[in-house]
PDB file of N, CA and C in Angstrom:
ATOM      1  N   MET A   1      69.746 -98.099   1.606  1.00  0.00           N
ATOM      2  CA  MET A   1      68.419 -98.562   1.934  1.00  0.00           C
ATOM      3  C   MET A   1      67.416 -97.840   1.045  1.00  0.00           C
ATOM      4  N   PRO A   2      66.549 -98.591   0.346  1.00  0.00           N
ATOM      5  CA  PRO A   2      65.617 -97.941  -0.566  1.00  0.00           C
ATOM      6  C   PRO A   2      64.586 -97.106   0.185  1.00  0.00           C
ATOM      7  N   GLU A   3      64.226 -95.991  -0.441  1.00  0.00           N
ATOM      8  CA  GLU A   3      63.205 -95.132   0.157  1.00  0.00           C
ATOM      9  C   GLU A   3      61.835 -95.790   0.029  1.00  0.00           C
ATOM     10  N   SER A   4      61.039 -95.609   1.077  1.00  0.00           N
ATOM     11  CA  SER A   4      59.681 -96.135   0.970  1.00  0.00           C
ATOM     12  C   SER A   4      58.850 -95.133   0.183  1.00  0.00           C
ATOM     13  N   SER A   5      57.994 -95.644  -0.633  1.00  0.00           N
ATOM     14  CA  SER A   5      57.130 -94.757  -1.416  1.00  0.00           C
ATOM     15  C   SER A   5      55.681 -95.118  -1.131  1.00  0.00           C
ATOM     16  N   GLU A   6      54.879 -94.098  -1.070  1.00  0.00           N
ATOM     17  CA  GLU A   6      53.459 -94.325  -0.831  1.00  0.00           C
ATOM     18  C   GLU A   6      52.794 -94.677  -2.142  1.00  0.00           C
ATOM     19  N   VAL A   7      51.959 -95.677  -2.096  1.00  0.00           N
ATOM     20  CA  VAL A   7      51.187 -96.058  -3.259  1.00  0.00           C
ATOM     21  C   VAL A   7      49.775 -95.538  -3.041  1.00  0.00           C
ATOM     22  N   GLN A   8      49.326 -94.710  -3.963  1.00  0.00           N
ATOM     23  CA  GLN A   8      47.984 -94.160  -3.838  1.00  0.00           C
ATOM     24  C   GLN A   8      47.029 -95.044  -4.621  1.00  0.00           C
ATOM     25  N   ILE A   9      46.017 -95.523  -3.946  1.00  0.00           N
ATOM     26  CA  ILE A   9      45.012 -96.352  -4.588  1.00  0.00           C
ATOM     27  C   ILE A   9      43.768 -95.499  -4.778  1.00  0.00           C
ATOM     28  N   ASP A  10      43.369 -95.325  -6.020  1.00  0.00           N
ATOM     29  CA  ASP A  10      42.173 -94.542  -6.311  1.00  0.00           C
ATOM     30  C   ASP A  10      40.953 -95.450  -6.250  1.00  0.00           C
ATOM     31  N   ARG A  11      40.097 -95.194  -5.275  1.00  0.00           N
ATOM     32  CA  ARG A  11      38.854 -95.944  -5.160  1.00  0.00           C
ATOM     33  C   ARG A  11      37.797 -95.263  -6.007  1.00  0.00           C
ATOM     34  N   ALA A  12      36.926 -96.063  -6.547  1.00  0.00           N
ATOM     35  CA  ALA A  12      35.811 -95.508  -7.307  1.00  0.00           C
ATOM     36  C   ALA A  12      34.915 -94.713  -6.366  1.00  0.00           C
ATOM     37  N   ALA A  13      34.357 -93.631  -6.871  1.00  0.00           N
ATOM     38  CA  ALA A  13      33.443 -92.813  -6.067  1.00  0.00           C
ATOM     39  C   ALA A  13      32.246 -93.663  -5.643  1.00  0.00           C
ATOM     40  N   ARG A  14      31.859 -93.530  -4.384  1.00  0.00           N
ATOM     41  CA  ARG A  14      30.748 -94.308  -3.839  1.00  0.00           C
ATOM     42  C   ARG A  14      29.613 -93.390  -3.445  1.00  0.00           C
ATOM     43  N   VAL A  15      28.390 -93.891  -3.661  1.00  0.00           N
ATOM     44  CA  VAL A  15      27.208 -93.160  -3.211  1.00  0.00           C
ATOM     45  C   VAL A  15      26.487 -94.011  -2.175  1.00  0.00           C
ATOM     46  N   LYS A  16      25.985 -93.353  -1.166  1.00  0.00           N
ATOM     47  CA  LYS A  16      25.232 -94.043  -0.115  1.00  0.00           C
ATOM     48  C   LYS A  16      23.761 -94.042  -0.500  1.00  0.00           C
ATOM     49  N   LEU A  17      23.176 -95.223  -0.540  1.00  0.00           N
ATOM     50  CA  LEU A  17      21.772 -95.365  -0.916  1.00  0.00           C
ATOM     51  C   LEU A  17      20.901 -95.736   0.272  1.00  0.00           C
ATOM     52  N   GLY A  18      21.518 -96.166   1.352  1.00  0.00           N
ATOM     53  CA  GLY A  18      20.779 -96.468   2.574  1.00  0.00           C
ATOM     54  C   GLY A  18      19.683 -97.500   2.424  1.00  0.00           C
ATOM     55  N   GLY A  19      19.825 -98.415   1.481  1.00  0.00           N
ATOM     56  CA  GLY A  19      18.829 -99.470   1.316  1.00  0.00           C
ATOM     57  C   GLY A  19      17.653 -99.092   0.444  1.00  0.00           C
ATOM     58  N   ALA A  20      17.726 -97.941  -0.234  1.00  0.00           N
ATOM     59  CA  ALA A  20      16.601 -97.472  -1.045  1.00  0.00           C
ATOM     60  C   ALA A  20      16.401 -98.282  -2.325  1.00  0.00           C
ATOM     61  N   VAL A  21      17.425 -99.007  -2.773  1.00  0.00           N
ATOM     62  CA  VAL A  21      17.344 -99.769  -4.020  1.00  0.00           C
ATOM     63  C   VAL A  21      17.320-101.257  -3.704  1.00  0.00           C
ATOM     64  N   ARG A  22      16.286-101.931  -4.180  1.00  0.00           N
ATOM     65  CA  ARG A  22      16.176-103.386  -3.988  1.00  0.00           C
ATOM     66  C   ARG A  22      16.942-104.115  -5.081  1.00  0.00           C
ATOM     67  N   VAL A  23      17.510-105.253  -4.700  1.00  0.00           N
ATOM     68  CA  VAL A  23      18.326-106.042  -5.618  1.00  0.00           C
ATOM     69  C   VAL A  23      17.880-107.496  -5.568  1.00  0.00           C
ATOM     70  N   SER A  24      17.814-108.128  -6.742  1.00  0.00           N
ATOM     71  CA  SER A  24      17.578-109.569  -6.817  1.00  0.00           C
ATOM     72  C   SER A  24      18.916-110.236  -7.087  1.00  0.00           C
ATOM     73  N   LEU A  25      19.261-111.206  -6.248  1.00  0.00           N
ATOM     74  CA  LEU A  25      20.518-111.943  -6.385  1.00  0.00           C
ATOM     75  C   LEU A  25      20.202-113.379  -6.745  1.00  0.00           C
ATOM     76  N   LEU A  26      20.842-113.893  -7.783  1.00  0.00           N
ATOM     77  CA  LEU A  26      20.682-115.285  -8.175  1.00  0.00           C
ATOM     78  C   LEU A  26      21.999-115.993  -7.900  1.00  0.00           C
ATOM     79  N   LEU A  27      21.954-116.921  -6.945  1.00  0.00           N
ATOM     80  CA  LEU A  27      23.145-117.666  -6.538  1.00  0.00           C
ATOM     81  C   LEU A  27      23.166-119.019  -7.221  1.00  0.00           C
ATOM     82  N   GLU A  28      24.315-119.690  -7.145  1.00  0.00           N
ATOM     83  CA  GLU A  28      24.409-121.049  -7.675  1.00  0.00           C
ATOM     84  C   GLU A  28      23.453-121.928  -6.899  1.00  0.00           C
ATOM     85  N   GLY A  29      22.854-122.862  -7.584  1.00  0.00           N
ATOM     86  CA  GLY A  29      21.965-123.760  -6.866  1.00  0.00           C
ATOM     87  C   GLY A  29      20.704-124.110  -7.615  1.00  0.00           C
ATOM     88  N   PRO A  30      19.970-123.304  -8.283  1.00  0.00           N
ATOM     89  CA  PRO A  30      19.905-121.847  -8.171  1.00  0.00           C
ATOM     90  C   PRO A  30      19.086-121.432  -6.954  1.00  0.00           C
ATOM     91  N   ARG A  31      19.477-120.362  -6.373  1.00  0.00           N
ATOM     92  CA  ARG A  31      18.803-119.823  -5.195  1.00  0.00           C
ATOM     93  C   ARG A  31      18.678-118.312  -5.378  1.00  0.00           C
ATOM     94  N   CYS A  32      17.489-117.789  -5.135  1.00  0.00           N
ATOM     95  CA  CYS A  32      17.248-116.355  -5.280  1.00  0.00           C
ATOM     96  C   CYS A  32      17.181-115.709  -3.900  1.00  0.00           C
ATOM     97  N   VAL A  33      17.878-114.591  -3.748  1.00  0.00           N
ATOM     98  CA  VAL A  33      17.924-113.865  -2.480  1.00  0.00           C
ATOM     99  C   VAL A  33      17.622-112.397  -2.771  1.00  0.00           C
ATOM    100  N   ARG A  34      16.891-111.771  -1.887  1.00  0.00           N
ATOM    101  CA  ARG A  34      16.615-110.331  -1.995  1.00  0.00           C
ATOM    102  C   ARG A  34      17.581-109.572  -1.089  1.00  0.00           C
ATOM    103  N   ALA A  35      18.020-108.432  -1.564  1.00  0.00           N
ATOM    104  CA  ALA A  35      18.926-107.581  -0.790  1.00  0.00           C
ATOM    105  C   ALA A  35      18.564-106.129  -1.073  1.00  0.00           C
ATOM    106  N   ARG A  36      19.232-105.238  -0.361  1.00  0.00           N
ATOM    107  CA  ARG A  36      19.087-103.802  -0.611  1.00  0.00           C
ATOM    108  C   ARG A  36      20.483-103.218  -0.761  1.00  0.00           C
ATOM    109  N   LEU A  37      20.601-102.253  -1.665  1.00  0.00           N
ATOM    110  CA  LEU A  37      21.892-101.594  -1.864  1.00  0.00           C
ATOM    111  C   LEU A  37      22.091-100.523  -0.806  1.00  0.00           C
ATOM    112  N   HIS A  38      23.162-100.658  -0.057  1.00  0.00           N
ATOM    113  CA  HIS A  38      23.505 -99.672   0.971  1.00  0.00           C
ATOM    114  C   HIS A  38      24.464 -98.629   0.389  1.00  0.00           C
ATOM    115  N   GLU A  39      25.434 -99.091  -0.404  1.00  0.00           N
ATOM    116  CA  GLU A  39      26.388 -98.218  -1.103  1.00  0.00           C
ATOM    117  C   GLU A  39      26.617 -98.789  -2.487  1.00  0.00           C
ATOM    118  N   LEU A  40      26.988 -97.904  -3.432  1.00  0.00           N
ATOM    119  CA  LEU A  40      27.199 -98.341  -4.804  1.00  0.00           C
ATOM    120  C   LEU A  40      28.308 -97.524  -5.449  1.00  0.00           C
ATOM    121  N   SER A  41      29.128 -98.193  -6.255  1.00  0.00           N
ATOM    122  CA  SER A  41      30.133 -97.531  -7.084  1.00  0.00           C
ATOM    123  C   SER A  41      30.185 -98.289  -8.403  1.00  0.00           C
ATOM    124  N   VAL A  42      31.007 -97.825  -9.336  1.00  0.00           N
ATOM    125  CA  VAL A  42      31.109 -98.514 -10.618  1.00  0.00           C
ATOM    126  C   VAL A  42      31.925 -99.801 -10.515  1.00  0.00           C
ATOM    127  N   SER A  43      32.553-100.045  -9.368  1.00  0.00           N
ATOM    128  CA  SER A  43      33.341-101.270  -9.192  1.00  0.00           C
ATOM    129  C   SER A  43      32.687-102.283  -8.253  1.00  0.00           C
ATOM    130  N   GLY A  44      31.656-101.864  -7.524  1.00  0.00           N
ATOM    131  CA  GLY A  44      30.995-102.772  -6.581  1.00  0.00           C
ATOM    132  C   GLY A  44      30.151-101.992  -5.606  1.00  0.00           C
ATOM    133  N   GLY A  45      29.994-102.541  -4.421  1.00  0.00           N
ATOM    134  CA  GLY A  45      29.175-101.844  -3.436  1.00  0.00           C
ATOM    135  C   GLY A  45      28.999-102.639  -2.168  1.00  0.00           C
ATOM    136  N   LEU A  46      27.906-102.335  -1.487  1.00  0.00           N
ATOM    137  CA  LEU A  46      27.619-102.927  -0.189  1.00  0.00           C
ATOM    138  C   LEU A  46      26.134-103.258  -0.135  1.00  0.00           C
ATOM    139  N   PHE A  47      25.830-104.538   0.093  1.00  0.00           N
ATOM    140  CA  PHE A  47      24.444-104.989   0.230  1.00  0.00           C
ATOM    141  C   PHE A  47      24.053-105.020   1.693  1.00  0.00           C
ATOM    142  N   TYR A  48      22.779-104.778   1.967  1.00  0.00           N
ATOM    143  CA  TYR A  48      22.200-105.098   3.270  1.00  0.00           C
ATOM    144  C   TYR A  48      21.444-106.402   3.063  1.00  0.00           C
ATOM    145  N   LEU A  49      21.784-107.427   3.852  1.00  0.00           N
ATOM    146  CA  LEU A  49      21.175-108.755   3.754  1.00  0.00           C
ATOM    147  C   LEU A  49      20.697-109.216   5.122  1.00  0.00           C
ATOM    148  N   ARG A  50      19.663-110.022   5.149  1.00  0.00           N
ATOM    149  CA  ARG A  50      19.225-110.614   6.423  1.00  0.00           C
ATOM    150  C   ARG A  50      20.241-111.627   6.917  1.00  0.00           C
ATOM    151  N   HIS A  51      20.788-112.402   5.979  1.00  0.00           N
ATOM    152  CA  HIS A  51      21.781-113.433   6.303  1.00  0.00           C
ATOM    153  C   HIS A  51      22.943-113.274   5.331  1.00  0.00           C
ATOM    154  N   GLY A  52      24.153-113.294   5.847  1.00  0.00           N
ATOM    155  CA  GLY A  52      25.326-113.140   5.001  1.00  0.00           C
ATOM    156  C   GLY A  52      25.479-114.292   4.023  1.00  0.00           C
ATOM    157  N   LEU A  53      26.168-114.022   2.931  1.00  0.00           N
ATOM    158  CA  LEU A  53      26.459-115.041   1.929  1.00  0.00           C
ATOM    159  C   LEU A  53      27.930-115.429   2.046  1.00  0.00           C
ATOM    160  N   ALA A  54      28.263-116.581   1.529  1.00  0.00           N
ATOM    161  CA  ALA A  54      29.640-117.072   1.620  1.00  0.00           C
ATOM    162  C   ALA A  54      30.594-116.123   0.897  1.00  0.00           C
ATOM    163  N   GLU A  55      31.675-115.772   1.569  1.00  0.00           N
ATOM    164  CA  GLU A  55      32.701-114.955   0.933  1.00  0.00           C
ATOM    165  C   GLU A  55      33.229-115.716  -0.272  1.00  0.00           C
ATOM    166  N   GLY A  56      33.333-115.050  -1.412  1.00  0.00           N
ATOM    167  CA  GLY A  56      33.792-115.689  -2.642  1.00  0.00           C
ATOM    168  C   GLY A  56      32.672-116.241  -3.501  1.00  0.00           C
ATOM    169  N   ALA A  57      31.428-116.229  -2.992  1.00  0.00           N
ATOM    170  CA  ALA A  57      30.288-116.734  -3.767  1.00  0.00           C
ATOM    171  C   ALA A  57      30.100-115.875  -5.018  1.00  0.00           C
ATOM    172  N   HIS A  58      29.827-116.543  -6.134  1.00  0.00           N
ATOM    173  CA  HIS A  58      29.571-115.845  -7.396  1.00  0.00           C
ATOM    174  C   HIS A  58      28.070-115.780  -7.607  1.00  0.00           C
ATOM    175  N   LEU A  59      27.602-114.673  -8.174  1.00  0.00           N
ATOM    176  CA  LEU A  59      26.167-114.490  -8.329  1.00  0.00           C
ATOM    177  C   LEU A  59      25.858-113.586  -9.503  1.00  0.00           C
ATOM    178  N   GLU A  60      24.596-113.628  -9.904  1.00  0.00           N
ATOM    179  CA  GLU A  60      24.049-112.706 -10.890  1.00  0.00           C
ATOM    180  C   GLU A  60      23.157-111.752 -10.122  1.00  0.00           C
ATOM    181  N   MET A  61      23.117-110.491 -10.535  1.00  0.00           N
ATOM    182  CA  MET A  61      22.276-109.519  -9.834  1.00  0.00           C
ATOM    183  C   MET A  61      21.574-108.620 -10.830  1.00  0.00           C
ATOM    184  N   SER A  62      20.446-108.086 -10.402  1.00  0.00           N
ATOM    185  CA  SER A  62      19.770-107.061 -11.192  1.00  0.00           C
ATOM    186  C   SER A  62      19.108-106.082 -10.242  1.00  0.00           C
ATOM    187  N   PHE A  63      19.168-104.803 -10.626  1.00  0.00           N
ATOM    188  CA  PHE A  63      18.548-103.757  -9.823  1.00  0.00           C
ATOM    189  C   PHE A  63      18.188-102.590 -10.735  1.00  0.00           C
ATOM    190  N   HIS A  64      17.223-101.797 -10.299  1.00  0.00           N
ATOM    191  CA  HIS A  64      16.718-100.687 -11.093  1.00  0.00           C
ATOM    192  C   HIS A  64      17.233 -99.362 -10.549  1.00  0.00           C
ATOM    193  N   LEU A  65      17.865 -98.599 -11.429  1.00  0.00           N
ATOM    194  CA  LEU A  65      18.317 -97.247 -11.102  1.00  0.00           C
ATOM    195  C   LEU A  65      17.555 -96.275 -11.993  1.00  0.00           C
ATOM    196  N   GLU A  66      17.654 -95.013 -11.713  1.00  0.00           N
ATOM    197  CA  GLU A  66      16.958 -94.015 -12.527  1.00  0.00           C
ATOM    198  C   GLU A  66      17.363 -94.105 -13.993  1.00  0.00           C
ATOM    199  N   SER A  67      18.601 -94.503 -14.260  1.00  0.00           N
ATOM    200  CA  SER A  67      19.108 -94.614 -15.628  1.00  0.00           C
ATOM    201  C   SER A  67      18.731 -95.931 -16.302  1.00  0.00           C
ATOM    202  N   GLY A  68      18.070 -96.831 -15.589  1.00  0.00           N
ATOM    203  CA  GLY A  68      17.622 -98.101 -16.165  1.00  0.00           C
ATOM    204  C   GLY A  68      17.991 -99.293 -15.303  1.00  0.00           C
ATOM    205  N   ILE A  69      17.642-100.469 -15.799  1.00  0.00           N
ATOM    206  CA  ILE A  69      17.936-101.712 -15.081  1.00  0.00           C
ATOM    207  C   ILE A  69      19.381-102.116 -15.349  1.00  0.00           C
ATOM    208  N   VAL A  70      20.088-102.472 -14.288  1.00  0.00           N
ATOM    209  CA  VAL A  70      21.475-102.933 -14.389  1.00  0.00           C
ATOM    210  C   VAL A  70      21.494-104.417 -14.068  1.00  0.00           C
ATOM    211  N   ARG A  71      22.105-105.188 -14.968  1.00  0.00           N
ATOM    212  CA  ARG A  71      22.308-106.625 -14.749  1.00  0.00           C
ATOM    213  C   ARG A  71      23.811-106.873 -14.782  1.00  0.00           C
ATOM    214  N   ALA A  72      24.292-107.637 -13.801  1.00  0.00           N
ATOM    215  CA  ALA A  72      25.736-107.851 -13.698  1.00  0.00           C
ATOM    216  C   ALA A  72      26.031-109.150 -12.970  1.00  0.00           C
ATOM    217  N   SER A  73      27.265-109.601 -13.099  1.00  0.00           N
ATOM    218  CA  SER A  73      27.778-110.715 -12.308  1.00  0.00           C
ATOM    219  C   SER A  73      28.664-110.118 -11.229  1.00  0.00           C
ATOM    220  N   GLY A  74      28.737-110.803 -10.092  1.00  0.00           N
ATOM    221  CA  GLY A  74      29.551-110.283  -9.007  1.00  0.00           C
ATOM    222  C   GLY A  74      30.106-111.372  -8.122  1.00  0.00           C
ATOM    223  N   GLU A  75      30.964-110.952  -7.222  1.00  0.00           N
ATOM    224  CA  GLU A  75      31.563-111.846  -6.236  1.00  0.00           C
ATOM    225  C   GLU A  75      31.380-111.221  -4.861  1.00  0.00           C
ATOM    226  N   MET A  76      30.929-112.032  -3.920  1.00  0.00           N
ATOM    227  CA  MET A  76      30.715-111.551  -2.559  1.00  0.00           C
ATOM    228  C   MET A  76      32.049-111.464  -1.826  1.00  0.00           C
ATOM    229  N   LEU A  77      32.179-110.404  -1.045  1.00  0.00           N
ATOM    230  CA  LEU A  77      33.366-110.187  -0.230  1.00  0.00           C
ATOM    231  C   LEU A  77      32.981-110.357   1.238  1.00  0.00           C
ATOM    232  N   ARG A  78      33.764-109.831   2.131  1.00  0.00           N
ATOM    233  CA  ARG A  78      33.561-110.025   3.570  1.00  0.00           C
ATOM    234  C   ARG A  78      32.275-109.374   4.074  1.00  0.00           C
ATOM    235  N   ALA A  79      31.619-110.042   5.014  1.00  0.00           N
ATOM    236  CA  ALA A  79      30.393-109.524   5.635  1.00  0.00           C
ATOM    237  C   ALA A  79      30.718-108.816   6.945  1.00  0.00           C
ATOM    238  N   LEU A  80      29.977-107.751   7.219  1.00  0.00           N
ATOM    239  CA  LEU A  80      30.074-107.019   8.483  1.00  0.00           C
ATOM    240  C   LEU A  80      28.740-107.193   9.191  1.00  0.00           C
ATOM    241  N   TRP A  81      28.729-107.913  10.302  1.00  0.00           N
ATOM    242  CA  TRP A  81      27.478-108.234  10.982  1.00  0.00           C
ATOM    243  C   TRP A  81      26.971-107.069  11.804  1.00  0.00           C
ATOM    244  N   ALA A  82      25.659-106.908  11.803  1.00  0.00           N
ATOM    245  CA  ALA A  82      24.987-105.865  12.578  1.00  0.00           C
ATOM    246  C   ALA A  82      23.971-106.543  13.494  1.00  0.00           C
ATOM    247  N   THR A  83      23.250-105.743  14.268  1.00  0.00           N
ATOM    248  CA  THR A  83      22.240-106.296  15.170  1.00  0.00           C
ATOM    249  C   THR A  83      21.196-107.087  14.396  1.00  0.00           C
ATOM    250  N   ARG A  84      20.749-106.522  13.301  1.00  0.00           N
ATOM    251  CA  ARG A  84      19.776-107.201  12.435  1.00  0.00           C
ATOM    252  C   ARG A  84      20.382-107.336  11.049  1.00  0.00           C
ATOM    253  N   GLY A  85      20.726-108.528  10.656  1.00  0.00           N
ATOM    254  CA  GLY A  85      21.284-108.743   9.336  1.00  0.00           C
ATOM    255  C   GLY A  85      22.745-108.357   9.253  1.00  0.00           C
ATOM    256  N   CYS A  86      23.185-108.092   8.024  1.00  0.00           N
ATOM    257  CA  CYS A  86      24.585-107.726   7.829  1.00  0.00           C
ATOM    258  C   CYS A  86      24.740-106.832   6.615  1.00  0.00           C
ATOM    259  N   LEU A  87      25.861-106.161   6.562  1.00  0.00           N
ATOM    260  CA  LEU A  87      26.290-105.429   5.383  1.00  0.00           C
ATOM    261  C   LEU A  87      27.399-106.263   4.763  1.00  0.00           C
ATOM    262  N   GLN A  88      27.283-106.529   3.474  1.00  0.00           N
ATOM    263  CA  GLN A  88      28.288-107.362   2.829  1.00  0.00           C
ATOM    264  C   GLN A  88      28.723-106.721   1.518  1.00  0.00           C
ATOM    265  N   ALA A  89      30.026-106.574   1.388  1.00  0.00           N
ATOM    266  CA  ALA A  89      30.609-105.967   0.196  1.00  0.00           C
ATOM    267  C   ALA A  89      30.581-106.953  -0.965  1.00  0.00           C
ATOM    268  N   PHE A  90      30.554-106.396  -2.168  1.00  0.00           N
ATOM    269  CA  PHE A  90      30.647-107.199  -3.384  1.00  0.00           C
ATOM    270  C   PHE A  90      31.433-106.404  -4.412  1.00  0.00           C
ATOM    271  N   ARG A  91      31.942-107.125  -5.391  1.00  0.00           N
ATOM    272  CA  ARG A  91      32.597-106.464  -6.521  1.00  0.00           C
ATOM    273  C   ARG A  91      31.988-107.005  -7.801  1.00  0.00           C
ATOM    274  N   PHE A  92      31.885-106.143  -8.800  1.00  0.00           N
ATOM    275  CA  PHE A  92      31.392-106.585 -10.096  1.00  0.00           C
ATOM    276  C   PHE A  92      32.485-107.397 -10.776  1.00  0.00           C
ATOM    277  N   THR A  93      32.110-108.533 -11.354  1.00  0.00           N
ATOM    278  CA  THR A  93      33.067-109.339 -12.104  1.00  0.00           C
ATOM    279  C   THR A  93      32.775-109.296 -13.594  1.00  0.00           C
ATOM    280  N   GLN A  94      31.532-109.002 -13.942  1.00  0.00           N
ATOM    281  CA  GLN A  94      31.166-108.882 -15.349  1.00  0.00           C
ATOM    282  C   GLN A  94      30.027-107.886 -15.472  1.00  0.00           C
ATOM    283  N   LEU A  95      30.224-106.915 -16.348  1.00  0.00           N
ATOM    284  CA  LEU A  95      29.260-105.842 -16.542  1.00  0.00           C
ATOM    285  C   LEU A  95      29.391-105.417 -17.995  1.00  0.00           C
ATOM    286  N   ASP A  96      28.330-105.594 -18.797  1.00  0.00           N
ATOM    287  CA  ASP A  96      28.474-105.205 -20.205  1.00  0.00           C
ATOM    288  C   ASP A  96      28.501-103.681 -20.331  1.00  0.00           C
ATOM    289  N   ASP A  97      28.874-103.198 -21.499  1.00  0.00           N
ATOM    290  CA  ASP A  97      29.076-101.758 -21.699  1.00  0.00           C
ATOM    291  C   ASP A  97      27.820-100.941 -21.412  1.00  0.00           C
ATOM    292  N   ARG A  98      26.668-101.437 -21.829  1.00  0.00           N
ATOM    293  CA  ARG A  98      25.418-100.701 -21.614  1.00  0.00           C
ATOM    294  C   ARG A  98      25.118-100.579 -20.121  1.00  0.00           C
ATOM    295  N   ASP A  99      25.268-101.679 -19.384  1.00  0.00           N
ATOM    296  CA  ASP A  99      25.022-101.649 -17.942  1.00  0.00           C
ATOM    297  C   ASP A  99      26.062-100.798 -17.213  1.00  0.00           C
ATOM    298  N   ARG A 100      27.304-100.850 -17.666  1.00  0.00           N
ATOM    299  CA  ARG A 100      28.362-100.023 -17.067  1.00  0.00           C
ATOM    300  C   ARG A 100      28.031 -98.536 -17.247  1.00  0.00           C
ATOM    301  N   GLU A 101      27.525 -98.179 -18.422  1.00  0.00           N
ATOM    302  CA  GLU A 101      27.156 -96.782 -18.673  1.00  0.00           C
ATOM    303  C   GLU A 101      25.975 -96.364 -17.796  1.00  0.00           C
ATOM    304  N   ARG A 102      24.965 -97.221 -17.666  1.00  0.00           N
ATOM    305  CA  ARG A 102      23.825 -96.913 -16.787  1.00  0.00           C
ATOM    306  C   ARG A 102      24.295 -96.685 -15.355  1.00  0.00           C
ATOM    307  N   LEU A 103      25.172 -97.548 -14.906  1.00  0.00           N
ATOM    308  CA  LEU A 103      25.711 -97.451 -13.551  1.00  0.00           C
ATOM    309  C   LEU A 103      26.498 -96.148 -13.372  1.00  0.00           C
ATOM    310  N   HIS A 104      27.346 -95.844 -14.329  1.00  0.00           N
ATOM    311  CA  HIS A 104      28.149 -94.619 -14.267  1.00  0.00           C
ATOM    312  C   HIS A 104      27.252 -93.378 -14.234  1.00  0.00           C
ATOM    313  N   VAL A 105      26.245 -93.335 -15.100  1.00  0.00           N
ATOM    314  CA  VAL A 105      25.326 -92.190 -15.155  1.00  0.00           C
ATOM    315  C   VAL A 105      24.600 -92.029 -13.826  1.00  0.00           C
ATOM    316  N   ALA A 106      24.119 -93.130 -13.262  1.00  0.00           N
ATOM    317  CA  ALA A 106      23.385 -93.066 -11.991  1.00  0.00           C
ATOM    318  C   ALA A 106      24.279 -92.596 -10.849  1.00  0.00           C
ATOM    319  N   VAL A 107      25.494 -93.126 -10.765  1.00  0.00           N
ATOM    320  CA  VAL A 107      26.414 -92.734  -9.690  1.00  0.00           C
ATOM    321  C   VAL A 107      26.766 -91.253  -9.822  1.00  0.00           C
ATOM    322  N   GLN A 108      27.061 -90.801 -11.036  1.00  0.00           N
ATOM    323  CA  GLN A 108      27.399 -89.389 -11.238  1.00  0.00           C
ATOM    324  C   GLN A 108      26.229 -88.479 -10.888  1.00  0.00           C
ATOM    325  N   ALA A 109      25.018 -88.881 -11.252  1.00  0.00           N
ATOM    326  CA  ALA A 109      23.832 -88.073 -10.940  1.00  0.00           C
ATOM    327  C   ALA A 109      23.635 -87.955  -9.431  1.00  0.00           C
ATOM    328  N   LEU A 110      23.915 -89.022  -8.705  1.00  0.00           N
ATOM    329  CA  LEU A 110      23.762 -88.987  -7.251  1.00  0.00           C
ATOM    330  C   LEU A 110      24.887 -88.205  -6.573  1.00  0.00           C
ATOM    331  N   LEU A 111      26.059 -88.192  -7.187  1.00  0.00           N
ATOM    332  CA  LEU A 111      27.182 -87.434  -6.634  1.00  0.00           C
ATOM    333  C   LEU A 111      27.039 -85.936  -6.892  1.00  0.00           C
ATOM    334  N   GLU A 112      26.420 -85.593  -8.012  1.00  0.00           N
ATOM    335  CA  GLU A 112      26.279 -84.189  -8.410  1.00  0.00           C
ATOM    336  C   GLU A 112      24.803 -83.854  -8.586  1.00  0.00           C
ATOM    337  N   PRO A 113      24.046 -83.772  -7.503  1.00  0.00           N
ATOM    338  CA  PRO A 113      22.616 -83.488  -7.636  1.00  0.00           C
ATOM    339  C   PRO A 113      22.373 -82.114  -8.260  1.00  0.00           C
ATOM    340  N   GLU A 114      21.255 -82.029  -8.981  1.00  0.00           N
ATOM    341  CA  GLU A 114      20.893 -80.759  -9.620  1.00  0.00           C
ATOM    342  C   GLU A 114      20.586 -79.716  -8.562  1.00  0.00           C
ATOM    343  N   VAL A 115      20.952 -78.482  -8.876  1.00  0.00           N
ATOM    344  CA  VAL A 115      20.707 -77.372  -7.941  1.00  0.00           C
ATOM    345  C   VAL A 115      19.392 -76.707  -8.263  1.00  0.00           C
TER     346      VAL A 115
END
């Protein structure tokens, strides 16, 4: 009988923003929706939205971080409903090198604050 082996999945480091960063989302249609970033990593994050979006929906997003404006494409994942609105995960599907670097710099700065 083969031995079971644990597979370790390394998740990207996440920073909690608590809604401090506003995001503009452009959906197919075109339809523009405002959201706030609750958590962020270099692979995706968690939006706070008044109304959830369809799981699997593709969108364009832009938001301002200390390191500059980040523009990216993403895909919406499962929504977690709250009393007011919802938290909904997303993953980046397209991020150019410059935006990826801005995102990385911002996440690292928030993980390692200056003393």
